[in-house]
């Protein structure tokens, strides 16, 4: 599923798993780590909405560097809502 700043890949699994991928072209190590922290925190706050266990991989798009935390949180909550509605 695609959002403005991220792409989410999911697959049903017995154990819930989560990963964030940020390419080196996204910026320096400090910027990439900041992006990962933002995505992890936004996902942590929204993951209770998912009623089933699944493996989730979030790939950050290049235009992410122009975003702020509130845009990321909104994007993740919209994508998770799509994920839940598609799997029901």
PDB file of N, CA and C in Angstrom:
ATOM      1  N   UNK A   1       0.837  -1.172   0.000  1.00  0.00           N
ATOM      2  CA  UNK A   1       0.000   0.000   0.000  1.00  0.00           C
ATOM      3  C   UNK A   1       0.887   1.243   0.000  1.00  0.00           C
ATOM      4  N   UNK A   2       0.498   2.192  -0.784  1.00  0.00           N
ATOM      5  CA  UNK A   2       1.311   3.385  -0.960  1.00  0.00           C
ATOM      6  C   UNK A   2       0.675   4.586  -0.281  1.00  0.00           C
ATOM      7  N   UNK A   3       1.523   5.370   0.350  1.00  0.00           N
ATOM      8  CA  UNK A   3       1.109   6.628   0.947  1.00  0.00           C
ATOM      9  C   UNK A   3       1.918   7.753   0.339  1.00  0.00           C
ATOM     10  N   UNK A   4       1.804   8.933   0.902  1.00  0.00           N
ATOM     11  CA  UNK A   4       2.551  10.080   0.389  1.00  0.00           C
ATOM     12  C   UNK A   4       4.049   9.947   0.667  1.00  0.00           C
ATOM     13  N   UNK A   5       4.391   9.459   1.857  1.00  0.00           N
ATOM     14  CA  UNK A   5       5.804   9.417   2.256  1.00  0.00           C
ATOM     15  C   UNK A   5       6.350   8.012   2.441  1.00  0.00           C
ATOM     16  N   UNK A   6       5.463   7.001   2.512  1.00  0.00           N
ATOM     17  CA  UNK A   6       5.927   5.639   2.766  1.00  0.00           C
ATOM     18  C   UNK A   6       5.165   4.636   1.908  1.00  0.00           C
ATOM     19  N   UNK A   7       5.749   3.437   1.801  1.00  0.00           N
ATOM     20  CA  UNK A   7       5.084   2.293   1.197  1.00  0.00           C
ATOM     21  C   UNK A   7       5.088   1.190   2.237  1.00  0.00           C
ATOM     22  N   UNK A   8       3.934   0.558   2.451  1.00  0.00           N
ATOM     23  CA  UNK A   8       3.814  -0.482   3.457  1.00  0.00           C
ATOM     24  C   UNK A   8       3.563  -1.818   2.765  1.00  0.00           C
ATOM     25  N   UNK A   9       4.386  -2.796   3.102  1.00  0.00           N
ATOM     26  CA  UNK A   9       4.207  -4.164   2.629  1.00  0.00           C
ATOM     27  C   UNK A   9       3.817  -5.002   3.839  1.00  0.00           C
ATOM     28  N   UNK A  10       2.802  -5.846   3.679  1.00  0.00           N
ATOM     29  CA  UNK A  10       2.405  -6.690   4.792  1.00  0.00           C
ATOM     30  C   UNK A  10       2.092  -8.090   4.290  1.00  0.00           C
ATOM     31  N   UNK A  11       2.229  -9.046   5.218  1.00  0.00           N
ATOM     32  CA  UNK A  11       1.964 -10.434   4.910  1.00  0.00           C
ATOM     33  C   UNK A  11       1.477 -11.103   6.185  1.00  0.00           C
ATOM     34  N   UNK A  12       0.385 -11.856   6.130  1.00  0.00           N
ATOM     35  CA  UNK A  12      -0.070 -12.549   7.332  1.00  0.00           C
ATOM     36  C   UNK A  12       1.019 -13.481   7.859  1.00  0.00           C
ATOM     37  N   UNK A  13       1.187 -13.499   9.153  1.00  0.00           N
ATOM     38  CA  UNK A  13       2.231 -14.309   9.769  1.00  0.00           C
ATOM     39  C   UNK A  13       1.759 -14.726  11.155  1.00  0.00           C
ATOM     40  N   UNK A  14       2.351 -15.790  11.686  1.00  0.00           N
ATOM     41  CA  UNK A  14       1.982 -16.253  13.022  1.00  0.00           C
ATOM     42  C   UNK A  14       2.448 -15.291  14.107  1.00  0.00           C
ATOM     43  N   UNK A  15       3.572 -14.658  13.869  1.00  0.00           N
ATOM     44  CA  UNK A  15       4.154 -13.718  14.826  1.00  0.00           C
ATOM     45  C   UNK A  15       4.235 -12.344  14.171  1.00  0.00           C
ATOM     46  N   UNK A  16       3.839 -11.317  14.892  1.00  0.00           N
ATOM     47  CA  UNK A  16       3.936  -9.962  14.350  1.00  0.00           C
ATOM     48  C   UNK A  16       5.392  -9.541  14.264  1.00  0.00           C
ATOM     49  N   UNK A  17       5.758  -8.944  13.137  1.00  0.00           N
ATOM     50  CA  UNK A  17       7.117  -8.453  12.932  1.00  0.00           C
ATOM     51  C   UNK A  17       7.027  -7.090  12.251  1.00  0.00           C
ATOM     52  N   UNK A  18       8.070  -6.286  12.413  1.00  0.00           N
ATOM     53  CA  UNK A  18       8.062  -4.921  11.886  1.00  0.00           C
ATOM     54  C   UNK A  18       9.473  -4.517  11.499  1.00  0.00           C
ATOM     55  N   UNK A  19       9.605  -3.857  10.345  1.00  0.00           N
ATOM     56  CA  UNK A  19      10.910  -3.358   9.902  1.00  0.00           C
ATOM     57  C   UNK A  19      10.712  -2.047   9.154  1.00  0.00           C
ATOM     58  N   UNK A  20      11.721  -1.179   9.230  1.00  0.00           N
ATOM     59  CA  UNK A  20      11.723   0.091   8.518  1.00  0.00           C
ATOM     60  C   UNK A  20      12.958   0.118   7.633  1.00  0.00           C
ATOM     61  N   UNK A  21      12.774   0.452   6.348  1.00  0.00           N
ATOM     62  CA  UNK A  21      13.882   0.543   5.414  1.00  0.00           C
ATOM     63  C   UNK A  21      14.021   1.977   4.931  1.00  0.00           C
ATOM     64  N   UNK A  22      15.221   2.526   5.073  1.00  0.00           N
ATOM     65  CA  UNK A  22      15.514   3.876   4.609  1.00  0.00           C
ATOM     66  C   UNK A  22      16.780   3.795   3.769  1.00  0.00           C
ATOM     67  N   UNK A  23      16.717   4.248   2.519  1.00  0.00           N
ATOM     68  CA  UNK A  23      17.873   4.184   1.626  1.00  0.00           C
ATOM     69  C   UNK A  23      18.897   5.260   1.985  1.00  0.00           C
ATOM     70  N   UNK A  24      20.136   4.999   1.628  1.00  0.00           N
ATOM     71  CA  UNK A  24      21.206   5.954   1.938  1.00  0.00           C
ATOM     72  C   UNK A  24      21.028   7.291   1.230  1.00  0.00           C
ATOM     73  N   UNK A  25      20.303   7.293   0.126  1.00  0.00           N
ATOM     74  CA  UNK A  25      20.076   8.535  -0.606  1.00  0.00           C
ATOM     75  C   UNK A  25      19.144   9.484   0.138  1.00  0.00           C
ATOM     76  N   UNK A  26      18.543   9.005   1.225  1.00  0.00           N
ATOM     77  CA  UNK A  26      17.609   9.832   1.999  1.00  0.00           C
ATOM     78  C   UNK A  26      18.305  10.869   2.865  1.00  0.00           C
ATOM     79  N   UNK A  27      19.616  10.768   3.015  1.00  0.00           N
ATOM     80  CA  UNK A  27      20.333  11.757   3.808  1.00  0.00           C
ATOM     81  C   UNK A  27      21.462  11.140   4.603  1.00  0.00           C
ATOM     82  N   UNK A  28      21.969  11.902   5.538  1.00  0.00           N
ATOM     83  CA  UNK A  28      23.062  11.426   6.375  1.00  0.00           C
ATOM     84  C   UNK A  28      22.537  10.395   7.368  1.00  0.00           C
ATOM     85  N   UNK A  29      23.436   9.757   8.079  1.00  0.00           N
ATOM     86  CA  UNK A  29      23.054   8.738   9.058  1.00  0.00           C
ATOM     87  C   UNK A  29      22.145   9.338  10.134  1.00  0.00           C
ATOM     88  N   UNK A  30      22.420  10.546  10.550  1.00  0.00           N
ATOM     89  CA  UNK A  30      21.602  11.203  11.568  1.00  0.00           C
ATOM     90  C   UNK A  30      20.179  11.401  11.060  1.00  0.00           C
ATOM     91  N   UNK A  31      20.039  11.852   9.808  1.00  0.00           N
ATOM     92  CA  UNK A  31      18.716  12.067   9.226  1.00  0.00           C
ATOM     93  C   UNK A  31      17.971  10.746   9.047  1.00  0.00           C
ATOM     94  N   UNK A  32      18.668   9.694   8.590  1.00  0.00           N
ATOM     95  CA  UNK A  32      18.033   8.389   8.411  1.00  0.00           C
ATOM     96  C   UNK A  32      17.563   7.821   9.746  1.00  0.00           C
ATOM     97  N   UNK A  33      18.354   7.968  10.797  1.00  0.00           N
ATOM     98  CA  UNK A  33      17.955   7.483  12.115  1.00  0.00           C
ATOM     99  C   UNK A  33      16.745   8.243  12.651  1.00  0.00           C
ATOM    100  N   UNK A  34      16.701   9.539  12.395  1.00  0.00           N
ATOM    101  CA  UNK A  34      15.563  10.351  12.818  1.00  0.00           C
ATOM    102  C   UNK A  34      14.298   9.886  12.102  1.00  0.00           C
ATOM    103  N   UNK A  35      14.411   9.608  10.809  1.00  0.00           N
ATOM    104  CA  UNK A  35      13.281   9.107  10.029  1.00  0.00           C
ATOM    105  C   UNK A  35      12.796   7.782  10.611  1.00  0.00           C
ATOM    106  N   UNK A  36      13.720   6.881  10.912  1.00  0.00           N
ATOM    107  CA  UNK A  36      13.348   5.576  11.470  1.00  0.00           C
ATOM    108  C   UNK A  36      12.654   5.730  12.819  1.00  0.00           C
ATOM    109  N   UNK A  37      13.145   6.625  13.665  1.00  0.00           N
ATOM    110  CA  UNK A  37      12.508   6.847  14.971  1.00  0.00           C
ATOM    111  C   UNK A  37      11.078   7.345  14.804  1.00  0.00           C
ATOM    112  N   UNK A  38      10.893   8.299  13.891  1.00  0.00           N
ATOM    113  CA  UNK A  38       9.556   8.836  13.647  1.00  0.00           C
ATOM    114  C   UNK A  38       8.606   7.745  13.175  1.00  0.00           C
ATOM    115  N   UNK A  39       9.049   6.933  12.213  1.00  0.00           N
ATOM    116  CA  UNK A  39       8.189   5.884  11.656  1.00  0.00           C
ATOM    117  C   UNK A  39       7.871   4.840  12.715  1.00  0.00           C
ATOM    118  N   UNK A  40       8.877   4.417  13.483  1.00  0.00           N
ATOM    119  CA  UNK A  40       8.646   3.421  14.540  1.00  0.00           C
ATOM    120  C   UNK A  40       7.638   3.927  15.570  1.00  0.00           C
ATOM    121  N   UNK A  41       7.776   5.169  15.981  1.00  0.00           N
ATOM    122  CA  UNK A  41       6.873   5.735  16.990  1.00  0.00           C
ATOM    123  C   UNK A  41       5.449   5.867  16.439  1.00  0.00           C
ATOM    124  N   UNK A  42       5.308   6.342  15.219  1.00  0.00           N
ATOM    125  CA  UNK A  42       3.978   6.471  14.622  1.00  0.00           C
ATOM    126  C   UNK A  42       3.327   5.102  14.458  1.00  0.00           C
ATOM    127  N   UNK A  43       4.096   4.094  14.062  1.00  0.00           N
ATOM    128  CA  UNK A  43       3.550   2.748  13.915  1.00  0.00           C
ATOM    129  C   UNK A  43       3.182   2.163  15.281  1.00  0.00           C
ATOM    130  N   UNK A  44       4.010   2.406  16.277  1.00  0.00           N
ATOM    131  CA  UNK A  44       3.745   1.883  17.621  1.00  0.00           C
ATOM    132  C   UNK A  44       2.410   2.403  18.149  1.00  0.00           C
ATOM    133  N   UNK A  45       2.114   3.652  17.869  1.00  0.00           N
ATOM    134  CA  UNK A  45       0.871   4.242  18.351  1.00  0.00           C
ATOM    135  C   UNK A  45      -0.356   3.742  17.591  1.00  0.00           C
ATOM    136  N   UNK A  46      -0.171   3.227  16.390  1.00  0.00           N
ATOM    137  CA  UNK A  46      -1.298   2.795  15.561  1.00  0.00           C
ATOM    138  C   UNK A  46      -1.442   1.284  15.447  1.00  0.00           C
ATOM    139  N   UNK A  47      -0.473   0.499  15.907  1.00  0.00           N
ATOM    140  CA  UNK A  47      -0.491  -0.936  15.640  1.00  0.00           C
ATOM    141  C   UNK A  47      -1.620  -1.682  16.346  1.00  0.00           C
ATOM    142  N   UNK A  48      -2.192  -1.143  17.401  1.00  0.00           N
ATOM    143  CA  UNK A  48      -3.273  -1.831  18.094  1.00  0.00           C
ATOM    144  C   UNK A  48      -4.534  -1.901  17.234  1.00  0.00           C
ATOM    145  N   UNK A  49      -4.619  -1.125  16.173  1.00  0.00           N
ATOM    146  CA  UNK A  49      -5.768  -1.146  15.267  1.00  0.00           C
ATOM    147  C   UNK A  49      -5.787  -2.436  14.434  1.00  0.00           C
ATOM    148  N   UNK A  50      -4.614  -3.020  14.182  1.00  0.00           N
ATOM    149  CA  UNK A  50      -4.520  -4.228  13.359  1.00  0.00           C
ATOM    150  C   UNK A  50      -5.002  -5.421  14.181  1.00  0.00           C
ATOM    151  N   UNK A  51      -6.114  -6.065  13.768  1.00  0.00           N
ATOM    152  CA  UNK A  51      -6.699  -7.139  14.585  1.00  0.00           C
ATOM    153  C   UNK A  51      -6.075  -8.516  14.366  1.00  0.00           C
ATOM    154  N   UNK A  52      -5.062  -8.614  13.545  1.00  0.00           N
ATOM    155  CA  UNK A  52      -4.444  -9.897  13.240  1.00  0.00           C
ATOM    156  C   UNK A  52      -2.927  -9.737  13.262  1.00  0.00           C
ATOM    157  N   UNK A  53      -2.213 -10.849  13.367  1.00  0.00           N
ATOM    158  CA  UNK A  53      -0.747 -10.755  13.372  1.00  0.00           C
ATOM    159  C   UNK A  53      -0.239 -10.811  11.936  1.00  0.00           C
ATOM    160  N   UNK A  54       0.726  -9.961  11.642  1.00  0.00           N
ATOM    161  CA  UNK A  54       1.277  -9.908  10.299  1.00  0.00           C
ATOM    162  C   UNK A  54       2.692  -9.339  10.357  1.00  0.00           C
ATOM    163  N   UNK A  55       3.433  -9.621   9.305  1.00  0.00           N
ATOM    164  CA  UNK A  55       4.767  -9.050   9.147  1.00  0.00           C
ATOM    165  C   UNK A  55       4.611  -7.768   8.332  1.00  0.00           C
ATOM    166  N   UNK A  56       5.188  -6.688   8.815  1.00  0.00           N
ATOM    167  CA  UNK A  56       5.051  -5.388   8.162  1.00  0.00           C
ATOM    168  C   UNK A  56       6.440  -4.829   7.855  1.00  0.00           C
ATOM    169  N   UNK A  57       6.614  -4.378   6.617  1.00  0.00           N
ATOM    170  CA  UNK A  57       7.839  -3.697   6.217  1.00  0.00           C
ATOM    171  C   UNK A  57       7.432  -2.340   5.668  1.00  0.00           C
ATOM    172  N   UNK A  58       8.029  -1.292   6.202  1.00  0.00           N
ATOM    173  CA  UNK A  58       7.754   0.062   5.734  1.00  0.00           C
ATOM    174  C   UNK A  58       8.994   0.577   5.020  1.00  0.00           C
ATOM    175  N   UNK A  59       8.800   0.969   3.763  1.00  0.00           N
ATOM    176  CA  UNK A  59       9.885   1.540   2.954  1.00  0.00           C
ATOM    177  C   UNK A  59       9.619   3.030   2.829  1.00  0.00           C
ATOM    178  N   UNK A  60      10.606   3.821   3.196  1.00  0.00           N
ATOM    179  CA  UNK A  60      10.475   5.279   3.183  1.00  0.00           C
ATOM    180  C   UNK A  60      10.824   5.810   1.797  1.00  0.00           C
ATOM    181  N   UNK A  61       9.967   6.685   1.273  1.00  0.00           N
ATOM    182  CA  UNK A  61      10.200   7.282  -0.044  1.00  0.00           C
ATOM    183  C   UNK A  61      11.170   8.452   0.061  1.00  0.00           C
ATOM    184  N   UNK A  62      11.715   8.869  -1.075  1.00  0.00           N
ATOM    185  CA  UNK A  62      12.702   9.950  -1.096  1.00  0.00           C
ATOM    186  C   UNK A  62      12.151  11.272  -0.581  1.00  0.00           C
ATOM    187  N   UNK A  63      10.903  11.597  -0.921  1.00  0.00           N
ATOM    188  CA  UNK A  63      10.347  12.893  -0.529  1.00  0.00           C
ATOM    189  C   UNK A  63      10.045  12.987   0.960  1.00  0.00           C
ATOM    190  N   UNK A  64      10.365  11.953   1.709  1.00  0.00           N
ATOM    191  CA  UNK A  64      10.147  11.954   3.154  1.00  0.00           C
ATOM    192  C   UNK A  64      10.931  13.069   3.833  1.00  0.00           C
ATOM    193  N   UNK A  65      12.103  13.383   3.329  1.00  0.00           N
ATOM    194  CA  UNK A  65      12.969  14.357   3.991  1.00  0.00           C
ATOM    195  C   UNK A  65      12.312  15.735   4.113  1.00  0.00           C
ATOM    196  N   UNK A  66      11.294  16.009   3.289  1.00  0.00           N
ATOM    197  CA  UNK A  66      10.605  17.298   3.381  1.00  0.00           C
ATOM    198  C   UNK A  66       9.424  17.257   4.349  1.00  0.00           C
ATOM    199  N   UNK A  67       9.157  16.095   4.960  1.00  0.00           N
ATOM    200  CA  UNK A  67       7.993  15.926   5.829  1.00  0.00           C
ATOM    201  C   UNK A  67       8.317  16.250   7.280  1.00  0.00           C
ATOM    202  N   UNK A  68       7.259  16.390   8.062  1.00  0.00           N
ATOM    203  CA  UNK A  68       7.401  16.528   9.509  1.00  0.00           C
ATOM    204  C   UNK A  68       6.693  15.354  10.175  1.00  0.00           C
ATOM    205  N   UNK A  69       6.790  15.247  11.476  1.00  0.00           N
ATOM    206  CA  UNK A  69       6.262  14.085  12.188  1.00  0.00           C
ATOM    207  C   UNK A  69       4.747  13.952  12.037  1.00  0.00           C
ATOM    208  N   UNK A  70       4.026  15.045  12.069  1.00  0.00           N
ATOM    209  CA  UNK A  70       2.563  14.952  11.974  1.00  0.00           C
ATOM    210  C   UNK A  70       2.123  14.410  10.613  1.00  0.00           C
ATOM    211  N   UNK A  71       2.845  14.768   9.548  1.00  0.00           N
ATOM    212  CA  UNK A  71       2.520  14.230   8.218  1.00  0.00           C
ATOM    213  C   UNK A  71       2.789  12.735   8.161  1.00  0.00           C
ATOM    214  N   UNK A  72       3.876  12.307   8.796  1.00  0.00           N
ATOM    215  CA  UNK A  72       4.227  10.890   8.823  1.00  0.00           C
ATOM    216  C   UNK A  72       3.174  10.106   9.603  1.00  0.00           C
ATOM    217  N   UNK A  73       2.782  10.618  10.745  1.00  0.00           N
ATOM    218  CA  UNK A  73       1.785   9.941  11.578  1.00  0.00           C
ATOM    219  C   UNK A  73       0.457   9.817  10.843  1.00  0.00           C
ATOM    220  N   UNK A  74       0.030  10.866  10.169  1.00  0.00           N
ATOM    221  CA  UNK A  74      -1.211  10.839   9.404  1.00  0.00           C
ATOM    222  C   UNK A  74      -1.126   9.816   8.274  1.00  0.00           C
ATOM    223  N   UNK A  75       0.001   9.792   7.577  1.00  0.00           N
ATOM    224  CA  UNK A  75       0.207   8.861   6.474  1.00  0.00           C
ATOM    225  C   UNK A  75       0.153   7.410   6.968  1.00  0.00           C
ATOM    226  N   UNK A  76       0.817   7.128   8.067  1.00  0.00           N
ATOM    227  CA  UNK A  76       0.830   5.765   8.606  1.00  0.00           C
ATOM    228  C   UNK A  76      -0.563   5.360   9.081  1.00  0.00           C
ATOM    229  N   UNK A  77      -1.276   6.245   9.750  1.00  0.00           N
ATOM    230  CA  UNK A  77      -2.617   5.875  10.219  1.00  0.00           C
ATOM    231  C   UNK A  77      -3.556   5.629   9.040  1.00  0.00           C
ATOM    232  N   UNK A  78      -3.434   6.398   7.958  1.00  0.00           N
ATOM    233  CA  UNK A  78      -4.261   6.177   6.772  1.00  0.00           C
ATOM    234  C   UNK A  78      -3.946   4.833   6.119  1.00  0.00           C
ATOM    235  N   UNK A  79      -2.675   4.500   6.016  1.00  0.00           N
ATOM    236  CA  UNK A  79      -2.281   3.239   5.387  1.00  0.00           C
ATOM    237  C   UNK A  79      -2.710   2.048   6.240  1.00  0.00           C
ATOM    238  N   UNK A  80      -2.583   2.146   7.551  1.00  0.00           N
ATOM    239  CA  UNK A  80      -3.012   1.046   8.420  1.00  0.00           C
ATOM    240  C   UNK A  80      -4.530   0.872   8.342  1.00  0.00           C
ATOM    241  N   UNK A  81      -5.265   1.967   8.247  1.00  0.00           N
ATOM    242  CA  UNK A  81      -6.720   1.870   8.086  1.00  0.00           C
ATOM    243  C   UNK A  81      -7.068   1.159   6.780  1.00  0.00           C
ATOM    244  N   UNK A  82      -6.342   1.467   5.699  1.00  0.00           N
ATOM    245  CA  UNK A  82      -6.544   0.761   4.425  1.00  0.00           C
ATOM    246  C   UNK A  82      -6.231  -0.720   4.561  1.00  0.00           C
ATOM    247  N   UNK A  83      -5.142  -1.040   5.259  1.00  0.00           N
ATOM    248  CA  UNK A  83      -4.727  -2.430   5.460  1.00  0.00           C
ATOM    249  C   UNK A  83      -5.821  -3.203   6.182  1.00  0.00           C
ATOM    250  N   UNK A  84      -6.358  -2.647   7.228  1.00  0.00           N
ATOM    251  CA  UNK A  84      -7.395  -3.321   8.009  1.00  0.00           C
ATOM    252  C   UNK A  84      -8.675  -3.486   7.186  1.00  0.00           C
ATOM    253  N   UNK A  85      -9.059  -2.455   6.446  1.00  0.00           N
ATOM    254  CA  UNK A  85     -10.294  -2.543   5.659  1.00  0.00           C
ATOM    255  C   UNK A  85     -10.145  -3.539   4.499  1.00  0.00           C
ATOM    256  N   UNK A  86      -8.962  -3.668   3.915  1.00  0.00           N
ATOM    257  CA  UNK A  86      -8.754  -4.603   2.808  1.00  0.00           C
ATOM    258  C   UNK A  86      -8.712  -6.046   3.272  1.00  0.00           C
ATOM    259  N   UNK A  87      -8.315  -6.288   4.492  1.00  0.00           N
ATOM    260  CA  UNK A  87      -8.155  -7.659   4.989  1.00  0.00           C
ATOM    261  C   UNK A  87      -9.405  -8.185   5.681  1.00  0.00           C
ATOM    262  N   UNK A  88     -10.450  -7.398   5.768  1.00  0.00           N
ATOM    263  CA  UNK A  88     -11.668  -7.871   6.428  1.00  0.00           C
ATOM    264  C   UNK A  88     -12.626  -8.469   5.433  1.00  0.00           C
TER     265      UNK A  88
END
